[in-house]
C-alpha atoms as a PDB file:
ATOM      1  CA  UNK A   1      16.490  17.056  13.874  1.00  0.00           C
ATOM      2  CA  UNK A   2      16.704  19.960  11.529  1.00  0.00           C
ATOM      3  CA  UNK A   3      17.680  23.356  12.862  1.00  0.00           C
ATOM      4  CA  UNK A   4      15.050  25.931  13.719  1.00  0.00           C
ATOM      5  CA  UNK A   5      16.057  27.904  10.631  1.00  0.00           C
ATOM      6  CA  UNK A   6      15.416  24.887   8.418  1.00  0.00           C
ATOM      7  CA  UNK A   7      12.036  24.355  10.059  1.00  0.00           C
ATOM      8  CA  UNK A   8      11.074  27.974   9.441  1.00  0.00           C
ATOM      9  CA  UNK A   9      12.072  27.805   5.796  1.00  0.00           C
ATOM     10  CA  UNK A  10      10.286  24.509   5.260  1.00  0.00           C
ATOM     11  CA  UNK A  11       6.933  25.834   6.440  1.00  0.00           C
ATOM     12  CA  UNK A  12       6.601  29.215   4.784  1.00  0.00           C
ATOM     13  CA  UNK A  13       2.987  28.966   3.695  1.00  0.00           C
ATOM     14  CA  UNK A  14      -0.059  26.855   4.306  1.00  0.00           C
ATOM     15  CA  UNK A  15       0.072  23.368   2.847  1.00  0.00           C
ATOM     16  CA  UNK A  16      -2.166  20.321   2.898  1.00  0.00           C
ATOM     17  CA  UNK A  17      -1.359  16.905   4.309  1.00  0.00           C
ATOM     18  CA  UNK A  18      -3.489  14.197   2.728  1.00  0.00           C
ATOM     19  CA  UNK A  19      -3.251  10.552   3.701  1.00  0.00           C
ATOM     20  CA  UNK A  20      -3.733   7.776   6.237  1.00  0.00           C
ATOM     21  CA  UNK A  21      -5.207   8.550   9.631  1.00  0.00           C
ATOM     22  CA  UNK A  22      -3.490   5.764  11.571  1.00  0.00           C
ATOM     23  CA  UNK A  23      -1.102   8.260  13.218  1.00  0.00           C
ATOM     24  CA  UNK A  24      -3.672  11.018  13.455  1.00  0.00           C
ATOM     25  CA  UNK A  25      -2.965  11.827  17.121  1.00  0.00           C
ATOM     26  CA  UNK A  26       0.774  11.898  16.576  1.00  0.00           C
ATOM     27  CA  UNK A  27       0.499  14.161  13.533  1.00  0.00           C
ATOM     28  CA  UNK A  28      -1.820  16.557  15.346  1.00  0.00           C
ATOM     29  CA  UNK A  29       0.654  16.702  18.239  1.00  0.00           C
ATOM     30  CA  UNK A  30       3.541  17.554  15.905  1.00  0.00           C
ATOM     31  CA  UNK A  31       1.508  20.195  14.076  1.00  0.00           C
ATOM     32  CA  UNK A  32       0.770  21.905  17.392  1.00  0.00           C
ATOM     33  CA  UNK A  33       4.341  21.516  18.620  1.00  0.00           C
ATOM     34  CA  UNK A  34       5.895  23.040  15.492  1.00  0.00           C
ATOM     35  CA  UNK A  35       3.081  25.454  14.642  1.00  0.00           C
ATOM     36  CA  UNK A  36       2.909  23.953  11.161  1.00  0.00           C
ATOM     37  CA  UNK A  37       0.151  25.573   9.047  1.00  0.00           C
ATOM     38  CA  UNK A  38      -0.988  22.230   7.638  1.00  0.00           C
ATOM     39  CA  UNK A  39      -4.541  21.572   6.509  1.00  0.00           C
ATOM     40  CA  UNK A  40      -5.235  17.913   7.323  1.00  0.00           C
ATOM     41  CA  UNK A  41      -7.263  15.456   5.303  1.00  0.00           C
ATOM     42  CA  UNK A  42      -6.689  12.021   6.805  1.00  0.00           C
ATOM     43  CA  UNK A  43      -8.557   8.852   5.843  1.00  0.00           C
ATOM     44  CA  UNK A  44      -9.605   5.586   7.464  1.00  0.00           C
ATOM     45  CA  UNK A  45      -6.555   3.409   8.124  1.00  0.00           C
ATOM     46  CA  UNK A  46      -8.287   0.273   6.799  1.00  0.00           C
ATOM     47  CA  UNK A  47      -8.401   1.553   3.214  1.00  0.00           C
ATOM     48  CA  UNK A  48      -5.193  -0.212   2.216  1.00  0.00           C
ATOM     49  CA  UNK A  49      -7.040  -3.559   2.182  1.00  0.00           C
ATOM     50  CA  UNK A  50      -9.174  -2.245  -0.708  1.00  0.00           C
ATOM     51  CA  UNK A  51      -6.962  -0.751  -3.422  1.00  0.00           C
ATOM     52  CA  UNK A  52      -9.887   0.430  -5.544  1.00  0.00           C
ATOM     53  CA  UNK A  53     -11.468   2.340  -2.666  1.00  0.00           C
ATOM     54  CA  UNK A  54      -8.125   3.707  -1.461  1.00  0.00           C
ATOM     55  CA  UNK A  55      -7.254   4.978  -4.932  1.00  0.00           C
ATOM     56  CA  UNK A  56     -10.580   6.749  -5.365  1.00  0.00           C
ATOM     57  CA  UNK A  57     -10.532   8.389  -1.934  1.00  0.00           C
ATOM     58  CA  UNK A  58      -6.906   9.484  -2.281  1.00  0.00           C
ATOM     59  CA  UNK A  59      -7.589  10.997  -5.698  1.00  0.00           C
ATOM     60  CA  UNK A  60     -10.644  12.794  -4.329  1.00  0.00           C
ATOM     61  CA  UNK A  61      -8.664  14.119  -1.364  1.00  0.00           C
ATOM     62  CA  UNK A  62      -5.918  15.416  -3.639  1.00  0.00           C
ATOM     63  CA  UNK A  63      -8.471  17.048  -5.926  1.00  0.00           C
ATOM     64  CA  UNK A  64     -10.196  18.779  -3.027  1.00  0.00           C
ATOM     65  CA  UNK A  65      -6.839  19.983  -1.658  1.00  0.00           C
ATOM     66  CA  UNK A  66      -5.519  21.091  -5.050  1.00  0.00           C
ATOM     67  CA  UNK A  67      -5.641  24.774  -4.097  1.00  0.00           C
ATOM     68  CA  UNK A  68      -2.689  24.188  -1.742  1.00  0.00           C
ATOM     69  CA  UNK A  69       0.736  22.551  -2.093  1.00  0.00           C
ATOM     70  CA  UNK A  70       0.052  19.003  -0.883  1.00  0.00           C
ATOM     71  CA  UNK A  71       2.093  16.270   0.779  1.00  0.00           C
ATOM     72  CA  UNK A  72       0.774  12.697   0.902  1.00  0.00           C
ATOM     73  CA  UNK A  73       1.145  10.759   4.153  1.00  0.00           C
ATOM     74  CA  UNK A  74       1.274   7.166   2.931  1.00  0.00           C
ATOM     75  CA  UNK A  75       3.776   4.430   2.309  1.00  0.00           C
ATOM     76  CA  UNK A  76       3.634   2.208  -0.757  1.00  0.00           C
ATOM     77  CA  UNK A  77       0.063   1.347   0.196  1.00  0.00           C
ATOM     78  CA  UNK A  78      -1.336   1.367  -3.357  1.00  0.00           C
ATOM     79  CA  UNK A  79       0.221  -0.346  -6.403  1.00  0.00           C
ATOM     80  CA  UNK A  80      -0.284   2.835  -8.445  1.00  0.00           C
ATOM     81  CA  UNK A  81       0.878   5.236  -5.729  1.00  0.00           C
ATOM     82  CA  UNK A  82       3.718   6.690  -7.836  1.00  0.00           C
ATOM     83  CA  UNK A  83       1.392   7.347 -10.785  1.00  0.00           C
ATOM     84  CA  UNK A  84      -1.161   9.030  -8.539  1.00  0.00           C
ATOM     85  CA  UNK A  85       1.511  11.285  -7.042  1.00  0.00           C
ATOM     86  CA  UNK A  86       2.876  12.159 -10.475  1.00  0.00           C
ATOM     87  CA  UNK A  87      -0.584  13.010 -11.762  1.00  0.00           C
ATOM     88  CA  UNK A  88      -1.077  15.484  -8.927  1.00  0.00           C
ATOM     89  CA  UNK A  89       2.498  16.800  -8.998  1.00  0.00           C
ATOM     90  CA  UNK A  90       3.180  15.868  -5.395  1.00  0.00           C
ATOM     91  CA  UNK A  91       5.153  13.436  -3.259  1.00  0.00           C
ATOM     92  CA  UNK A  92       4.682  11.254  -0.224  1.00  0.00           C
ATOM     93  CA  UNK A  93       6.453  10.593   3.024  1.00  0.00           C
ATOM     94  CA  UNK A  94       9.315   8.159   2.309  1.00  0.00           C
ATOM     95  CA  UNK A  95       8.905   4.671   3.739  1.00  0.00           C
ATOM     96  CA  UNK A  96       7.246   1.354   2.988  1.00  0.00           C
ATOM     97  CA  UNK A  97       4.369   1.863   5.431  1.00  0.00           C
ATOM     98  CA  UNK A  98       3.315   3.728   8.566  1.00  0.00           C
ATOM     99  CA  UNK A  99       5.466   1.539  10.827  1.00  0.00           C
ATOM    100  CA  UNK A 100       8.614   2.369   8.877  1.00  0.00           C
ATOM    101  CA  UNK A 101       7.675   6.054   8.775  1.00  0.00           C
ATOM    102  CA  UNK A 102       7.324   5.975  12.567  1.00  0.00           C
ATOM    103  CA  UNK A 103      10.314   3.771  13.434  1.00  0.00           C
ATOM    104  CA  UNK A 104      12.809   4.554  10.701  1.00  0.00           C
ATOM    105  CA  UNK A 105      14.131   2.068   8.177  1.00  0.00           C
ATOM    106  CA  UNK A 106      16.803   0.476  10.380  1.00  0.00           C
ATOM    107  CA  UNK A 107      14.582  -0.433  13.328  1.00  0.00           C
ATOM    108  CA  UNK A 108      11.662  -1.349  11.072  1.00  0.00           C
ATOM    109  CA  UNK A 109      13.762  -3.686   8.918  1.00  0.00           C
ATOM    110  CA  UNK A 110      15.398  -5.308  11.931  1.00  0.00           C
ATOM    111  CA  UNK A 111      12.079  -6.160  13.582  1.00  0.00           C
ATOM    112  CA  UNK A 112      10.494  -7.178  10.281  1.00  0.00           C
ATOM    113  CA  UNK A 113      13.298  -9.656   9.616  1.00  0.00           C
ATOM    114  CA  UNK A 114      12.713 -11.162  13.060  1.00  0.00           C
ATOM    115  CA  UNK A 115       9.058 -11.768  12.123  1.00  0.00           C
ATOM    116  CA  UNK A 116       7.231  -8.807  13.652  1.00  0.00           C
ATOM    117  CA  UNK A 117       3.733  -7.689  12.808  1.00  0.00           C
ATOM    118  CA  UNK A 118       3.557  -4.041  13.859  1.00  0.00           C
ATOM    119  CA  UNK A 119       0.474  -3.243  15.904  1.00  0.00           C
ATOM    120  CA  UNK A 120      -0.479   0.403  16.307  1.00  0.00           C
ATOM    121  CA  UNK A 121      -3.286   1.581  18.562  1.00  0.00           C
ATOM    122  CA  UNK A 122      -5.827   2.136  15.790  1.00  0.00           C
ATOM    123  CA  UNK A 123      -5.197  -1.277  14.291  1.00  0.00           C
ATOM    124  CA  UNK A 124      -5.348  -3.032  17.656  1.00  0.00           C
ATOM    125  CA  UNK A 125      -8.707  -1.449  18.412  1.00  0.00           C
ATOM    126  CA  UNK A 126     -10.188  -2.383  15.014  1.00  0.00           C
ATOM    127  CA  UNK A 127      -8.307  -5.581  14.231  1.00  0.00           C
ATOM    128  CA  UNK A 128     -11.332  -7.807  13.745  1.00  0.00           C
ATOM    129  CA  UNK A 129     -13.026  -5.213  11.543  1.00  0.00           C
ATOM    130  CA  UNK A 130      -9.979  -4.701   9.318  1.00  0.00           C
ATOM    131  CA  UNK A 131      -9.029  -8.369   9.002  1.00  0.00           C
ATOM    132  CA  UNK A 132     -12.679  -9.194   8.447  1.00  0.00           C
ATOM    133  CA  UNK A 133     -12.592  -7.028   5.334  1.00  0.00           C
ATOM    134  CA  UNK A 134      -9.299  -8.517   4.181  1.00  0.00           C
ATOM    135  CA  UNK A 135     -10.095 -12.179   4.891  1.00  0.00           C
ATOM    136  CA  UNK A 136     -13.888 -12.309   4.496  1.00  0.00           C
ATOM    137  CA  UNK A 137     -14.655 -12.654   8.210  1.00  0.00           C
ATOM    138  CA  UNK A 138     -12.827 -15.968   8.505  1.00  0.00           C
ATOM    139  CA  UNK A 139     -10.862 -15.984  11.797  1.00  0.00           C
ATOM    140  CA  UNK A 140      -9.217 -19.340  11.024  1.00  0.00           C
ATOM    141  CA  UNK A 141      -7.874 -17.995   7.733  1.00  0.00           C
ATOM    142  CA  UNK A 142      -6.648 -14.837   9.471  1.00  0.00           C
ATOM    143  CA  UNK A 143      -4.824 -16.913  12.098  1.00  0.00           C
ATOM    144  CA  UNK A 144      -3.230 -19.192   9.503  1.00  0.00           C
ATOM    145  CA  UNK A 145      -2.004 -16.294   7.395  1.00  0.00           C
ATOM    146  CA  UNK A 146      -0.517 -14.461  10.368  1.00  0.00           C
ATOM    147  CA  UNK A 147       1.268 -17.572  11.606  1.00  0.00           C
ATOM    148  CA  UNK A 148       2.691 -18.192   8.134  1.00  0.00           C
ATOM    149  CA  UNK A 149       4.098 -14.680   7.810  1.00  0.00           C
ATOM    150  CA  UNK A 150       4.814 -13.498  11.381  1.00  0.00           C
ATOM    151  CA  UNK A 151       6.375 -14.796  14.598  1.00  0.00           C
ATOM    152  CA  UNK A 152       5.155 -12.147  17.039  1.00  0.00           C
ATOM    153  CA  UNK A 153       3.113  -8.972  17.397  1.00  0.00           C
ATOM    154  CA  UNK A 154       4.997  -5.786  18.224  1.00  0.00           C
ATOM    155  CA  UNK A 155       2.804  -3.197  19.902  1.00  0.00           C
ATOM    156  CA  UNK A 156       4.101   0.304  19.169  1.00  0.00           C
ATOM    157  CA  UNK A 157       3.349   2.817  21.910  1.00  0.00           C
ATOM    158  CA  UNK A 158       3.965   6.506  21.231  1.00  0.00           C
ATOM    159  CA  UNK A 159       3.694   9.447  23.652  1.00  0.00           C
ATOM    160  CA  UNK A 160       0.246  10.048  22.126  1.00  0.00           C
ATOM    161  CA  UNK A 161      -1.057   6.489  22.514  1.00  0.00           C
ATOM    162  CA  UNK A 162      -3.775   5.587  24.926  1.00  0.00           C
ATOM    163  CA  UNK A 163      -3.638   2.319  26.880  1.00  0.00           C
ATOM    164  CA  UNK A 164      -4.497  -0.299  24.263  1.00  0.00           C
ATOM    165  CA  UNK A 165      -3.031  -3.227  26.204  1.00  0.00           C
ATOM    166  CA  UNK A 166      -6.315  -5.128  26.392  1.00  0.00           C
ATOM    167  CA  UNK A 167      -6.953  -4.690  22.668  1.00  0.00           C
ATOM    168  CA  UNK A 168      -3.437  -5.849  21.798  1.00  0.00           C
ATOM    169  CA  UNK A 169      -3.713  -8.885  24.068  1.00  0.00           C
ATOM    170  CA  UNK A 170      -7.001  -9.789  22.414  1.00  0.00           C
ATOM    171  CA  UNK A 171      -5.346  -9.614  18.984  1.00  0.00           C
ATOM    172  CA  UNK A 172      -2.545 -11.813  20.304  1.00  0.00           C
ATOM    173  CA  UNK A 173      -5.118 -14.404  21.312  1.00  0.00           C
ATOM    174  CA  UNK A 174      -6.955 -14.194  17.991  1.00  0.00           C
ATOM    175  CA  UNK A 175      -3.854 -14.887  15.906  1.00  0.00           C
ATOM    176  CA  UNK A 176      -2.123 -17.043  18.548  1.00  0.00           C
ATOM    177  CA  UNK A 177       1.135 -15.094  18.433  1.00  0.00           C
ATOM    178  CA  UNK A 178       3.139 -13.679  21.379  1.00  0.00           C
ATOM    179  CA  UNK A 179       2.895  -9.970  22.078  1.00  0.00           C
ATOM    180  CA  UNK A 180       5.881  -7.712  22.629  1.00  0.00           C
ATOM    181  CA  UNK A 181       6.005  -3.958  23.187  1.00  0.00           C
ATOM    182  CA  UNK A 182       8.170  -1.084  21.993  1.00  0.00           C
ATOM    183  CA  UNK A 183       7.959   2.514  23.205  1.00  0.00           C
ATOM    184  CA  UNK A 184       8.589   4.878  20.292  1.00  0.00           C
ATOM    185  CA  UNK A 185       9.285   8.611  20.331  1.00  0.00           C
ATOM    186  CA  UNK A 186       8.139  10.886  17.513  1.00  0.00           C
ATOM    187  CA  UNK A 187      11.565  12.082  16.389  1.00  0.00           C
ATOM    188  CA  UNK A 188      11.736  10.066  13.186  1.00  0.00           C
ATOM    189  CA  UNK A 189       8.129  10.816  12.257  1.00  0.00           C
ATOM    190  CA  UNK A 190       8.811  14.506  12.787  1.00  0.00           C
ATOM    191  CA  UNK A 191      11.955  14.415  10.634  1.00  0.00           C
ATOM    192  CA  UNK A 192      10.138  12.508   7.904  1.00  0.00           C
ATOM    193  CA  UNK A 193       7.308  15.024   7.759  1.00  0.00           C
ATOM    194  CA  UNK A 194       9.763  17.939   7.722  1.00  0.00           C
ATOM    195  CA  UNK A 195      11.698  16.359   4.869  1.00  0.00           C
ATOM    196  CA  UNK A 196       8.585  15.717   2.796  1.00  0.00           C
ATOM    197  CA  UNK A 197       7.321  19.264   3.374  1.00  0.00           C
ATOM    198  CA  UNK A 198      10.680  20.750   2.429  1.00  0.00           C
ATOM    199  CA  UNK A 199      10.852  18.706  -0.780  1.00  0.00           C
ATOM    200  CA  UNK A 200       7.281  19.605  -1.729  1.00  0.00           C
ATOM    201  CA  UNK A 201       8.029  23.288  -1.220  1.00  0.00           C
ATOM    202  CA  UNK A 202      10.580  23.110  -4.042  1.00  0.00           C
ATOM    203  CA  UNK A 203       8.247  21.475  -6.556  1.00  0.00           C
ATOM    204  CA  UNK A 204       6.762  23.804  -9.219  1.00  0.00           C
END
């Protein structure tokens, strides 16, 4: 973790955090913990399955937050993400996706190489809705695609998570993949947000 002095210098004035709402509870917890003056504008976590809609909503969110220095909380969730950030003179949290931002690159890559599909609380609770959008409400297609790409589901529980065991077990049954669990602290997420805020503070 950064020192208290670094934290104080990183958050000198109000800023905006615009992005995905999948870790909404965790981000709110860290804002309260660190007394970060961040104005939040977080979006539905299913947007990444519709690039056109995601792009429009992200652009709108950045436009509406343009009166403040803004950090984007997303991975590489849109093929034009870098161009969008450049257009609005901002940057995003480093990482491929929310799981990497939460776990850190080393743990994320290790589990990914073993065949993990990372299951966060929000996704577990809305799995059928999200995959229905992505795969046209065809459960057989969803199951086939998951079994081609993944070997197991990895449920990620944070200190802010509720009990989503039943939802995760239902997802496991739907895709016919075994379910494993990992308890995750918020240290890496906190460091990642601090780093992004600090870098944004130094942009013109």
